[in-house]
């Protein structure tokens, strides 16, 4: 990417939502040249399938299927289903290796997983290893999929790992307002850390 004619350099910015946020953390941990990363409701633990890089393998965090709840409409609520990465340390992405500046954007009504807990654990881990404290911005009543402004709220959808529909959370008005602010926050962050003009 650094040699691509449209990449200004000298560093690269990453943006990831959900599994994409998890992958941004992993990429930032294993590769150099990642200057800034925005993680929207991402996990600090590997979820679903192992991540492999060179001779390292990070296994997925355990799933406790007995903790999956089902709504009256038959939609699964997964928020309590994943083991804590504090219990399952091998699945914790080694973000302390990274020199990336992070911004965590968190929907506090995320029912896919515990995004606020993950952002706080990432912050603790980075600081424990002498890294800069990342900025964490929380949005009450915003759900899992915080997308660009004016996209409709995705409160529930098919989830391949769950084998059916799952609750993603979010209240329409609060979620819409979060999408507006997230868009501004991530642009400001990237302009600041990637050398652009705001």
N, C-alpha and C. Protein backbone atom coordinates (compact mmCIF):
# COMPACT_ATOMS: atom_id res chain seq x y z
N UNK A 1 0.81 -1.20 0.00
CA UNK A 1 0.00 0.00 0.00
C UNK A 1 0.86 1.27 0.00
N UNK A 2 1.97 1.22 0.73
CA UNK A 2 2.80 2.41 0.82
C UNK A 2 3.34 2.84 -0.54
N UNK A 3 3.51 1.91 -1.46
CA UNK A 3 4.04 2.26 -2.78
C UNK A 3 2.94 2.60 -3.79
N UNK A 4 1.68 2.50 -3.40
CA UNK A 4 0.58 2.83 -4.30
C UNK A 4 0.58 4.33 -4.59
N UNK A 5 0.37 4.71 -5.85
CA UNK A 5 0.47 6.11 -6.24
C UNK A 5 -0.57 7.01 -5.56
N UNK A 6 -1.67 6.46 -5.06
CA UNK A 6 -2.67 7.28 -4.39
C UNK A 6 -2.47 7.35 -2.88
N UNK A 7 -1.46 6.64 -2.36
CA UNK A 7 -1.18 6.68 -0.92
C UNK A 7 -0.15 7.77 -0.67
N UNK A 8 -0.55 8.76 0.11
CA UNK A 8 0.30 9.91 0.39
C UNK A 8 1.50 9.53 1.25
N UNK A 9 1.30 8.62 2.22
CA UNK A 9 2.37 8.22 3.11
C UNK A 9 2.71 9.33 4.09
N UNK A 10 3.66 9.20 4.97
CA UNK A 10 4.53 8.04 5.09
C UNK A 10 3.88 6.84 5.79
N UNK A 11 2.73 7.05 6.41
CA UNK A 11 2.05 5.93 7.09
C UNK A 11 0.71 5.65 6.45
N UNK A 12 0.06 4.64 6.99
CA UNK A 12 -1.24 4.21 6.49
C UNK A 12 -2.25 4.27 7.63
N UNK A 13 -3.48 4.60 7.29
CA UNK A 13 -4.57 4.58 8.26
C UNK A 13 -5.49 3.39 7.97
N UNK A 14 -6.01 2.80 9.02
CA UNK A 14 -6.95 1.68 8.88
C UNK A 14 -8.27 2.06 9.55
N UNK A 15 -9.36 1.59 8.97
CA UNK A 15 -10.69 1.79 9.52
C UNK A 15 -11.40 0.44 9.47
N UNK A 16 -11.91 0.00 10.62
CA UNK A 16 -12.62 -1.27 10.64
C UNK A 16 -13.78 -1.26 11.61
N UNK A 17 -14.86 -1.89 11.19
CA UNK A 17 -16.08 -2.02 11.99
C UNK A 17 -16.30 -3.51 12.25
N UNK A 18 -16.57 -3.89 13.50
CA UNK A 18 -16.86 -5.26 13.87
C UNK A 18 -15.64 -6.15 13.61
N UNK A 19 -15.79 -7.19 12.81
CA UNK A 19 -14.66 -8.08 12.47
C UNK A 19 -13.53 -7.28 11.81
N UNK A 20 -13.91 -6.26 11.04
CA UNK A 20 -12.91 -5.39 10.42
C UNK A 20 -12.07 -4.65 11.44
N UNK A 21 -12.69 -4.28 12.58
CA UNK A 21 -11.95 -3.64 13.67
C UNK A 21 -10.96 -4.61 14.29
N UNK A 22 -11.40 -5.84 14.48
CA UNK A 22 -10.51 -6.89 14.99
C UNK A 22 -9.33 -7.07 14.05
N UNK A 23 -9.59 -7.11 12.74
CA UNK A 23 -8.52 -7.29 11.77
C UNK A 23 -7.58 -6.08 11.73
N UNK A 24 -8.12 -4.87 11.92
CA UNK A 24 -7.26 -3.68 12.00
C UNK A 24 -6.31 -3.77 13.19
N UNK A 25 -6.81 -4.25 14.32
CA UNK A 25 -5.94 -4.42 15.49
C UNK A 25 -4.85 -5.44 15.20
N UNK A 26 -5.21 -6.54 14.55
CA UNK A 26 -4.21 -7.57 14.22
C UNK A 26 -3.18 -7.04 13.23
N UNK A 27 -3.63 -6.37 12.18
CA UNK A 27 -2.71 -5.82 11.19
C UNK A 27 -1.77 -4.81 11.85
N UNK A 28 -2.31 -3.96 12.70
CA UNK A 28 -1.49 -2.96 13.40
C UNK A 28 -0.47 -3.61 14.33
N UNK A 29 -0.81 -4.79 14.84
CA UNK A 29 0.08 -5.49 15.77
C UNK A 29 1.20 -6.23 15.06
N UNK A 30 0.93 -6.70 13.85
CA UNK A 30 1.91 -7.53 13.14
C UNK A 30 2.71 -6.79 12.07
N UNK A 31 2.19 -5.68 11.56
CA UNK A 31 2.86 -4.98 10.47
C UNK A 31 3.30 -3.57 10.89
N UNK A 32 4.39 -3.11 10.33
CA UNK A 32 4.88 -1.75 10.57
C UNK A 32 4.25 -0.81 9.55
N UNK A 33 4.31 0.48 9.84
CA UNK A 33 3.83 1.48 8.89
C UNK A 33 2.37 1.85 9.03
N UNK A 34 1.68 1.29 10.03
CA UNK A 34 0.29 1.65 10.28
C UNK A 34 0.33 2.80 11.29
N UNK A 35 0.01 3.99 10.85
CA UNK A 35 0.13 5.19 11.68
C UNK A 35 -1.08 5.39 12.57
N UNK A 36 -2.27 5.17 12.01
CA UNK A 36 -3.51 5.46 12.73
C UNK A 36 -4.55 4.41 12.39
N UNK A 37 -5.36 4.06 13.40
CA UNK A 37 -6.43 3.09 13.16
C UNK A 37 -7.67 3.49 13.96
N UNK A 38 -8.81 3.47 13.28
CA UNK A 38 -10.09 3.71 13.92
C UNK A 38 -10.80 2.38 14.02
N UNK A 39 -11.16 2.02 15.24
CA UNK A 39 -11.82 0.74 15.52
C UNK A 39 -13.24 1.04 15.96
N UNK A 40 -14.21 0.63 15.16
CA UNK A 40 -15.62 0.83 15.50
C UNK A 40 -16.19 -0.50 15.97
N UNK A 41 -16.48 -0.58 17.25
CA UNK A 41 -17.06 -1.80 17.84
C UNK A 41 -16.29 -3.06 17.43
N UNK A 42 -14.97 -3.01 17.58
CA UNK A 42 -14.13 -4.15 17.26
C UNK A 42 -13.79 -4.95 18.51
N UNK A 43 -13.38 -6.17 18.30
CA UNK A 43 -12.98 -7.06 19.39
C UNK A 43 -11.47 -7.05 19.55
N UNK A 44 -11.00 -7.10 20.79
CA UNK A 44 -9.56 -7.22 21.05
C UNK A 44 -9.12 -8.68 21.05
N UNK A 45 -10.10 -9.57 20.94
CA UNK A 45 -9.81 -11.00 20.87
C UNK A 45 -10.16 -11.50 19.48
N UNK A 46 -9.46 -12.52 19.05
CA UNK A 46 -9.78 -13.16 17.77
C UNK A 46 -11.10 -13.89 17.94
N UNK A 47 -12.00 -13.72 16.98
CA UNK A 47 -13.33 -14.32 17.05
C UNK A 47 -13.59 -15.16 15.80
N UNK A 48 -14.10 -16.36 15.99
CA UNK A 48 -14.57 -17.17 14.87
C UNK A 48 -13.54 -18.08 14.24
N UNK A 49 -12.41 -17.56 13.86
CA UNK A 49 -11.37 -18.35 13.20
C UNK A 49 -10.01 -17.79 13.59
N UNK A 50 -9.01 -18.64 13.60
CA UNK A 50 -7.65 -18.23 13.98
C UNK A 50 -7.10 -17.18 13.02
N UNK A 51 -6.21 -16.36 13.54
CA UNK A 51 -5.45 -15.43 12.71
C UNK A 51 -4.01 -15.96 12.66
N UNK A 52 -3.47 -16.05 11.45
CA UNK A 52 -2.11 -16.56 11.25
C UNK A 52 -1.25 -15.45 10.64
N UNK A 53 -0.06 -15.28 11.21
CA UNK A 53 0.92 -14.38 10.62
C UNK A 53 2.30 -14.99 10.83
N UNK A 54 2.98 -15.26 9.73
CA UNK A 54 4.28 -15.93 9.75
C UNK A 54 4.20 -17.18 10.62
N UNK A 55 4.97 -17.23 11.71
CA UNK A 55 4.96 -18.45 12.54
C UNK A 55 4.05 -18.33 13.76
N UNK A 56 3.22 -17.30 13.79
CA UNK A 56 2.31 -17.11 14.93
C UNK A 56 0.87 -17.43 14.55
N UNK A 57 0.17 -18.02 15.50
CA UNK A 57 -1.25 -18.28 15.34
C UNK A 57 -1.98 -17.82 16.59
N UNK A 58 -3.00 -16.98 16.38
CA UNK A 58 -3.85 -16.56 17.49
C UNK A 58 -5.17 -17.32 17.36
N UNK A 59 -5.48 -18.17 18.33
CA UNK A 59 -6.72 -18.95 18.24
C UNK A 59 -7.94 -18.08 18.59
N UNK A 60 -9.11 -18.49 18.14
CA UNK A 60 -10.30 -17.71 18.50
C UNK A 60 -10.67 -17.87 19.97
N UNK A 61 -11.26 -16.83 20.51
CA UNK A 61 -11.75 -16.86 21.89
C UNK A 61 -12.89 -17.88 21.96
N UNK A 62 -13.02 -18.50 23.11
CA UNK A 62 -14.07 -19.50 23.28
C UNK A 62 -15.47 -18.92 23.25
N UNK A 63 -16.41 -19.73 22.80
CA UNK A 63 -17.82 -19.35 22.76
C UNK A 63 -18.57 -20.20 23.77
N UNK A 64 -19.38 -19.55 24.57
CA UNK A 64 -20.20 -20.26 25.56
C UNK A 64 -21.64 -20.25 25.05
N UNK A 65 -21.98 -21.24 24.26
CA UNK A 65 -23.29 -21.30 23.59
C UNK A 65 -24.46 -21.26 24.57
N UNK A 66 -24.23 -21.76 25.77
CA UNK A 66 -25.32 -21.78 26.76
C UNK A 66 -25.69 -20.36 27.23
N UNK A 67 -24.85 -19.38 26.91
CA UNK A 67 -25.12 -18.00 27.33
C UNK A 67 -25.79 -17.17 26.23
N UNK A 68 -26.06 -17.79 25.08
CA UNK A 68 -26.77 -17.09 24.01
C UNK A 68 -28.24 -17.01 24.41
N UNK A 69 -28.78 -15.81 24.36
CA UNK A 69 -30.20 -15.61 24.66
C UNK A 69 -30.96 -15.54 23.35
N UNK A 70 -32.25 -15.82 23.40
CA UNK A 70 -33.09 -15.74 22.22
C UNK A 70 -34.29 -14.85 22.55
N UNK A 71 -34.53 -13.86 21.69
CA UNK A 71 -35.66 -12.95 21.91
C UNK A 71 -36.97 -13.67 21.63
N UNK A 72 -38.07 -13.03 21.97
CA UNK A 72 -39.39 -13.62 21.71
C UNK A 72 -39.63 -13.80 20.22
N UNK A 73 -38.89 -13.07 19.38
CA UNK A 73 -39.00 -13.19 17.93
C UNK A 73 -38.06 -14.24 17.36
N UNK A 74 -37.32 -14.93 18.23
CA UNK A 74 -36.40 -15.97 17.77
C UNK A 74 -35.05 -15.47 17.29
N UNK A 75 -34.71 -14.24 17.65
CA UNK A 75 -33.43 -13.66 17.24
C UNK A 75 -32.43 -13.81 18.38
N UNK A 76 -31.23 -14.26 18.04
CA UNK A 76 -30.20 -14.51 19.06
C UNK A 76 -29.55 -13.21 19.53
N UNK A 77 -29.30 -13.15 20.84
CA UNK A 77 -28.56 -12.06 21.47
C UNK A 77 -27.24 -12.66 21.96
N UNK A 78 -26.14 -12.26 21.32
CA UNK A 78 -24.83 -12.89 21.56
C UNK A 78 -23.96 -12.18 22.58
N UNK A 79 -24.43 -11.07 23.14
CA UNK A 79 -23.55 -10.19 23.91
C UNK A 79 -22.82 -10.91 25.05
N UNK A 80 -23.40 -11.93 25.64
CA UNK A 80 -22.76 -12.64 26.74
C UNK A 80 -22.08 -13.94 26.30
N UNK A 81 -22.07 -14.24 25.00
CA UNK A 81 -21.65 -15.56 24.53
C UNK A 81 -20.13 -15.77 24.45
N UNK A 82 -19.37 -14.70 24.25
CA UNK A 82 -17.92 -14.89 24.11
C UNK A 82 -17.24 -14.90 25.47
N UNK A 83 -16.27 -15.80 25.60
CA UNK A 83 -15.43 -15.80 26.80
C UNK A 83 -14.65 -14.50 26.85
N UNK A 84 -14.30 -14.08 28.02
CA UNK A 84 -13.49 -12.88 28.16
C UNK A 84 -12.08 -13.16 27.65
N UNK A 85 -11.50 -12.23 26.88
CA UNK A 85 -10.11 -12.43 26.47
C UNK A 85 -9.15 -12.39 27.65
N UNK A 86 -9.62 -11.93 28.80
CA UNK A 86 -8.78 -11.95 29.99
C UNK A 86 -8.66 -13.37 30.52
N UNK A 87 -9.67 -14.20 30.28
CA UNK A 87 -9.62 -15.62 30.64
C UNK A 87 -8.93 -16.43 29.56
N UNK A 88 -9.13 -16.02 28.33
CA UNK A 88 -8.65 -16.75 27.16
C UNK A 88 -7.52 -15.93 26.51
N UNK A 89 -6.40 -15.74 27.26
CA UNK A 89 -5.33 -14.80 26.88
C UNK A 89 -4.70 -15.09 25.51
N UNK A 90 -4.68 -16.34 25.09
CA UNK A 90 -4.05 -16.66 23.80
C UNK A 90 -4.78 -16.03 22.63
N UNK A 91 -6.05 -15.69 22.83
CA UNK A 91 -6.84 -15.08 21.76
C UNK A 91 -6.71 -13.55 21.74
N UNK A 92 -6.10 -12.98 22.77
CA UNK A 92 -5.97 -11.51 22.87
C UNK A 92 -4.97 -11.03 21.83
N UNK A 93 -5.38 -10.13 20.97
CA UNK A 93 -4.50 -9.61 19.93
C UNK A 93 -3.38 -8.80 20.59
N UNK A 94 -2.11 -9.05 20.24
CA UNK A 94 -0.98 -8.40 20.92
C UNK A 94 -0.76 -6.95 20.47
N UNK A 95 -1.77 -6.10 20.69
CA UNK A 95 -1.69 -4.73 20.21
C UNK A 95 -0.60 -3.92 20.88
N UNK A 96 -0.05 -4.42 21.98
CA UNK A 96 1.06 -3.71 22.64
C UNK A 96 2.30 -3.67 21.75
N UNK A 97 2.37 -4.50 20.72
CA UNK A 97 3.49 -4.48 19.77
C UNK A 97 3.39 -3.30 18.80
N UNK A 98 2.22 -2.73 18.69
CA UNK A 98 1.94 -1.72 17.69
C UNK A 98 2.44 -0.34 18.08
N UNK A 99 2.83 0.43 17.07
CA UNK A 99 3.16 1.84 17.26
C UNK A 99 2.05 2.73 16.71
N UNK A 100 0.91 2.14 16.46
CA UNK A 100 -0.24 2.83 15.88
C UNK A 100 -0.94 3.68 16.93
N UNK A 101 -1.48 4.81 16.51
CA UNK A 101 -2.36 5.62 17.36
C UNK A 101 -3.78 5.14 17.08
N UNK A 102 -4.51 4.79 18.14
CA UNK A 102 -5.85 4.22 17.99
C UNK A 102 -6.95 5.17 18.45
N UNK A 103 -8.08 5.07 17.77
CA UNK A 103 -9.32 5.70 18.19
C UNK A 103 -10.38 4.60 18.22
N UNK A 104 -10.99 4.40 19.39
CA UNK A 104 -12.06 3.42 19.53
C UNK A 104 -13.39 4.14 19.61
N UNK A 105 -14.31 3.75 18.73
CA UNK A 105 -15.66 4.31 18.70
C UNK A 105 -16.62 3.19 19.08
N UNK A 106 -17.42 3.43 20.13
CA UNK A 106 -18.14 2.34 20.79
C UNK A 106 -19.63 2.63 20.89
N UNK A 107 -20.44 1.70 20.41
CA UNK A 107 -21.88 1.75 20.63
C UNK A 107 -22.20 1.05 21.94
N UNK A 108 -22.78 1.75 22.88
CA UNK A 108 -23.02 1.16 24.20
C UNK A 108 -24.23 0.23 24.24
N UNK A 109 -24.97 0.14 23.14
CA UNK A 109 -26.07 -0.82 23.05
C UNK A 109 -25.73 -1.92 22.05
N UNK A 110 -24.43 -2.19 21.90
CA UNK A 110 -23.95 -3.26 21.01
C UNK A 110 -24.33 -4.60 21.62
N UNK A 111 -25.07 -5.41 20.89
CA UNK A 111 -25.45 -6.74 21.37
C UNK A 111 -24.67 -7.86 20.68
N UNK A 112 -23.75 -7.50 19.80
CA UNK A 112 -22.93 -8.52 19.15
C UNK A 112 -21.83 -9.00 20.09
N UNK A 113 -21.19 -8.04 20.76
CA UNK A 113 -20.18 -8.35 21.77
C UNK A 113 -19.97 -7.12 22.64
N UNK A 114 -19.09 -7.21 23.60
CA UNK A 114 -18.91 -6.15 24.60
C UNK A 114 -17.87 -5.14 24.12
N UNK A 115 -18.27 -4.31 23.18
CA UNK A 115 -17.34 -3.37 22.55
C UNK A 115 -16.70 -2.39 23.53
N UNK A 116 -17.48 -1.88 24.47
CA UNK A 116 -16.92 -0.92 25.43
C UNK A 116 -15.87 -1.60 26.31
N UNK A 117 -16.16 -2.81 26.78
CA UNK A 117 -15.21 -3.58 27.57
C UNK A 117 -13.93 -3.81 26.75
N UNK A 118 -14.08 -4.19 25.48
CA UNK A 118 -12.91 -4.46 24.63
C UNK A 118 -12.07 -3.19 24.44
N UNK A 119 -12.71 -2.06 24.21
CA UNK A 119 -11.97 -0.81 24.03
C UNK A 119 -11.20 -0.46 25.31
N UNK A 120 -11.85 -0.63 26.45
CA UNK A 120 -11.18 -0.32 27.73
C UNK A 120 -10.04 -1.28 28.00
N UNK A 121 -10.21 -2.56 27.67
CA UNK A 121 -9.12 -3.52 27.86
C UNK A 121 -7.95 -3.23 26.92
N UNK A 122 -8.26 -2.81 25.70
CA UNK A 122 -7.20 -2.41 24.77
C UNK A 122 -6.42 -1.24 25.34
N UNK A 123 -7.14 -0.26 25.89
CA UNK A 123 -6.49 0.90 26.49
C UNK A 123 -5.58 0.50 27.65
N UNK A 124 -6.09 -0.35 28.52
CA UNK A 124 -5.29 -0.81 29.67
C UNK A 124 -4.03 -1.53 29.20
N UNK A 125 -4.19 -2.39 28.21
CA UNK A 125 -3.05 -3.17 27.73
C UNK A 125 -2.00 -2.27 27.08
N UNK A 126 -2.44 -1.33 26.28
CA UNK A 126 -1.49 -0.41 25.65
C UNK A 126 -0.73 0.39 26.71
N UNK A 127 -1.46 0.95 27.67
CA UNK A 127 -0.83 1.75 28.72
C UNK A 127 0.10 0.92 29.60
N UNK A 128 -0.27 -0.31 29.87
CA UNK A 128 0.57 -1.19 30.69
C UNK A 128 1.91 -1.47 30.02
N UNK A 129 1.96 -1.30 28.70
CA UNK A 129 3.19 -1.52 27.95
C UNK A 129 3.83 -0.20 27.51
N UNK A 130 3.46 0.89 28.19
CA UNK A 130 4.09 2.17 27.93
C UNK A 130 3.64 2.88 26.66
N UNK A 131 2.53 2.45 26.10
CA UNK A 131 2.02 3.06 24.88
C UNK A 131 1.04 4.18 25.22
N UNK A 132 0.79 5.01 24.23
CA UNK A 132 -0.13 6.13 24.38
C UNK A 132 -1.55 5.63 24.67
N UNK A 133 -2.23 6.32 25.58
CA UNK A 133 -3.62 5.98 25.88
C UNK A 133 -4.48 6.32 24.67
N UNK A 134 -5.23 5.36 24.15
CA UNK A 134 -6.06 5.66 22.99
C UNK A 134 -7.29 6.46 23.39
N UNK A 135 -7.81 7.18 22.45
CA UNK A 135 -9.06 7.90 22.67
C UNK A 135 -10.21 6.90 22.51
N UNK A 136 -11.16 6.92 23.43
CA UNK A 136 -12.35 6.08 23.37
C UNK A 136 -13.55 7.01 23.45
N UNK A 137 -14.41 6.92 22.45
CA UNK A 137 -15.64 7.72 22.46
C UNK A 137 -16.81 6.75 22.47
N UNK A 138 -17.68 6.90 23.47
CA UNK A 138 -18.84 6.00 23.63
C UNK A 138 -20.12 6.71 23.24
N UNK A 139 -21.02 5.94 22.63
CA UNK A 139 -22.29 6.45 22.17
C UNK A 139 -23.43 5.66 22.81
N UNK A 140 -24.10 6.27 23.81
CA UNK A 140 -25.24 5.59 24.45
C UNK A 140 -26.32 5.28 23.42
N UNK A 141 -26.90 4.12 23.52
CA UNK A 141 -28.00 3.65 22.68
C UNK A 141 -27.64 3.44 21.21
N UNK A 142 -26.34 3.49 20.88
CA UNK A 142 -25.91 3.14 19.52
C UNK A 142 -25.60 1.65 19.52
N UNK A 143 -25.94 1.00 18.42
CA UNK A 143 -25.74 -0.44 18.32
C UNK A 143 -24.40 -0.83 17.72
N UNK A 144 -24.34 -2.05 17.18
CA UNK A 144 -23.08 -2.62 16.70
C UNK A 144 -22.61 -2.00 15.39
N UNK A 145 -23.49 -1.94 14.41
CA UNK A 145 -23.07 -1.45 13.08
C UNK A 145 -23.25 0.05 12.96
N UNK A 146 -22.24 0.78 13.38
CA UNK A 146 -22.23 2.24 13.22
C UNK A 146 -21.58 2.50 11.86
N UNK A 147 -22.42 2.86 10.90
CA UNK A 147 -21.98 3.03 9.52
C UNK A 147 -22.00 4.51 9.15
N UNK A 148 -21.72 4.85 7.88
CA UNK A 148 -21.74 6.27 7.49
C UNK A 148 -23.10 6.91 7.76
N UNK A 149 -23.09 8.23 7.91
CA UNK A 149 -24.35 8.94 8.19
C UNK A 149 -25.45 8.61 7.18
N UNK A 150 -26.65 8.56 7.71
CA UNK A 150 -27.88 8.36 6.95
C UNK A 150 -28.09 6.93 6.44
N UNK A 151 -27.22 6.02 6.82
CA UNK A 151 -27.49 4.62 6.53
C UNK A 151 -28.51 4.15 7.55
N UNK A 152 -29.41 3.27 7.15
CA UNK A 152 -30.43 2.81 8.11
C UNK A 152 -29.81 1.97 9.22
N UNK A 153 -30.45 2.04 10.37
CA UNK A 153 -30.02 1.24 11.51
C UNK A 153 -30.22 -0.24 11.21
N UNK A 154 -29.20 -1.01 11.46
CA UNK A 154 -29.28 -2.47 11.31
C UNK A 154 -29.38 -3.05 12.73
N UNK A 155 -30.61 -3.21 13.22
CA UNK A 155 -30.82 -3.70 14.59
C UNK A 155 -30.66 -5.20 14.70
N UNK A 156 -30.89 -5.92 13.60
CA UNK A 156 -30.76 -7.38 13.60
C UNK A 156 -30.48 -7.81 12.16
N UNK A 157 -29.72 -8.89 12.02
CA UNK A 157 -29.40 -9.41 10.69
C UNK A 157 -28.86 -10.83 10.81
N UNK A 158 -28.75 -11.48 9.68
CA UNK A 158 -28.18 -12.82 9.62
C UNK A 158 -26.70 -12.76 10.01
N UNK A 159 -26.28 -13.67 10.86
CA UNK A 159 -24.89 -13.75 11.31
C UNK A 159 -24.38 -15.14 10.99
N UNK A 160 -23.39 -15.23 10.13
CA UNK A 160 -22.91 -16.53 9.65
C UNK A 160 -22.41 -17.43 10.78
N UNK A 161 -21.69 -16.85 11.75
CA UNK A 161 -21.15 -17.67 12.84
C UNK A 161 -22.24 -18.16 13.79
N UNK A 162 -23.31 -17.37 13.91
CA UNK A 162 -24.41 -17.75 14.81
C UNK A 162 -25.41 -18.66 14.12
N UNK A 163 -25.32 -18.76 12.81
CA UNK A 163 -26.22 -19.63 12.07
C UNK A 163 -27.65 -19.14 12.01
N UNK A 164 -27.85 -17.83 12.09
CA UNK A 164 -29.18 -17.27 12.03
C UNK A 164 -29.16 -15.80 12.36
N UNK A 165 -30.34 -15.19 12.51
CA UNK A 165 -30.38 -13.76 12.81
C UNK A 165 -29.95 -13.47 14.24
N UNK A 166 -29.26 -12.33 14.39
CA UNK A 166 -28.81 -11.88 15.71
C UNK A 166 -29.20 -10.42 15.92
N UNK A 167 -29.30 -10.03 17.19
CA UNK A 167 -29.59 -8.66 17.59
C UNK A 167 -28.27 -7.87 17.56
N UNK A 168 -28.28 -6.72 16.90
CA UNK A 168 -27.11 -5.85 16.89
C UNK A 168 -27.30 -4.63 17.78
N UNK A 169 -28.53 -4.36 18.19
CA UNK A 169 -28.79 -3.27 19.10
C UNK A 169 -28.91 -1.92 18.43
N UNK A 170 -29.16 -0.92 19.25
CA UNK A 170 -29.27 0.45 18.79
C UNK A 170 -30.70 0.95 18.79
N UNK A 171 -30.85 2.20 19.20
CA UNK A 171 -32.13 2.89 19.13
C UNK A 171 -32.03 3.88 17.97
N UNK A 172 -33.05 3.94 17.10
CA UNK A 172 -32.92 4.69 15.84
C UNK A 172 -32.35 6.10 15.94
N UNK A 173 -32.91 6.94 16.79
CA UNK A 173 -32.45 8.33 16.85
C UNK A 173 -31.02 8.43 17.38
N UNK A 174 -30.75 7.77 18.50
CA UNK A 174 -29.41 7.82 19.09
C UNK A 174 -28.37 7.23 18.14
N UNK A 175 -28.72 6.16 17.48
CA UNK A 175 -27.80 5.51 16.55
C UNK A 175 -27.50 6.44 15.37
N UNK A 176 -28.54 7.09 14.84
CA UNK A 176 -28.35 8.02 13.72
C UNK A 176 -27.44 9.19 14.13
N UNK A 177 -27.64 9.70 15.33
CA UNK A 177 -26.80 10.79 15.81
C UNK A 177 -25.36 10.32 16.00
N UNK A 178 -25.18 9.09 16.47
CA UNK A 178 -23.83 8.53 16.62
C UNK A 178 -23.15 8.43 15.26
N UNK A 179 -23.89 8.00 14.24
CA UNK A 179 -23.28 7.89 12.91
C UNK A 179 -22.77 9.24 12.40
N UNK A 180 -23.52 10.29 12.67
CA UNK A 180 -23.06 11.63 12.27
C UNK A 180 -21.77 12.01 12.98
N UNK A 181 -21.73 11.79 14.29
CA UNK A 181 -20.55 12.16 15.06
C UNK A 181 -19.35 11.27 14.73
N UNK A 182 -19.58 9.98 14.57
CA UNK A 182 -18.49 9.06 14.22
C UNK A 182 -17.82 9.49 12.93
N UNK A 183 -18.63 9.88 11.95
CA UNK A 183 -18.09 10.32 10.66
C UNK A 183 -17.16 11.51 10.84
N UNK A 184 -17.58 12.48 11.67
CA UNK A 184 -16.74 13.65 11.94
C UNK A 184 -15.49 13.26 12.73
N UNK A 185 -15.66 12.43 13.74
CA UNK A 185 -14.53 12.03 14.59
C UNK A 185 -13.45 11.29 13.80
N UNK A 186 -13.86 10.35 12.96
CA UNK A 186 -12.84 9.57 12.25
C UNK A 186 -12.12 10.42 11.20
N UNK A 187 -12.83 11.35 10.57
CA UNK A 187 -12.16 12.23 9.60
C UNK A 187 -11.15 13.14 10.31
N UNK A 188 -11.55 13.72 11.43
CA UNK A 188 -10.66 14.58 12.20
C UNK A 188 -9.42 13.81 12.64
N UNK A 189 -9.65 12.59 13.13
CA UNK A 189 -8.55 11.74 13.61
C UNK A 189 -7.56 11.42 12.48
N UNK A 190 -8.09 11.01 11.33
CA UNK A 190 -7.20 10.67 10.22
C UNK A 190 -6.46 11.90 9.69
N UNK A 191 -7.15 13.03 9.59
CA UNK A 191 -6.46 14.26 9.15
C UNK A 191 -5.32 14.61 10.09
N UNK A 192 -5.56 14.48 11.38
CA UNK A 192 -4.53 14.80 12.37
C UNK A 192 -3.35 13.84 12.29
N UNK A 193 -3.62 12.56 12.22
CA UNK A 193 -2.53 11.57 12.32
C UNK A 193 -1.93 11.13 10.99
N UNK A 194 -2.59 11.47 9.90
CA UNK A 194 -2.04 11.11 8.59
C UNK A 194 -1.57 12.34 7.82
N UNK A 195 -1.58 13.51 8.49
CA UNK A 195 -0.97 14.70 7.91
C UNK A 195 -1.81 15.46 6.92
N UNK A 196 -3.09 15.12 6.82
CA UNK A 196 -3.96 15.87 5.92
C UNK A 196 -4.41 17.17 6.55
N UNK A 197 -5.18 17.91 5.82
CA UNK A 197 -5.74 19.16 6.34
C UNK A 197 -7.19 18.93 6.68
N UNK A 198 -7.63 19.47 7.82
CA UNK A 198 -9.03 19.29 8.23
C UNK A 198 -9.91 20.33 7.59
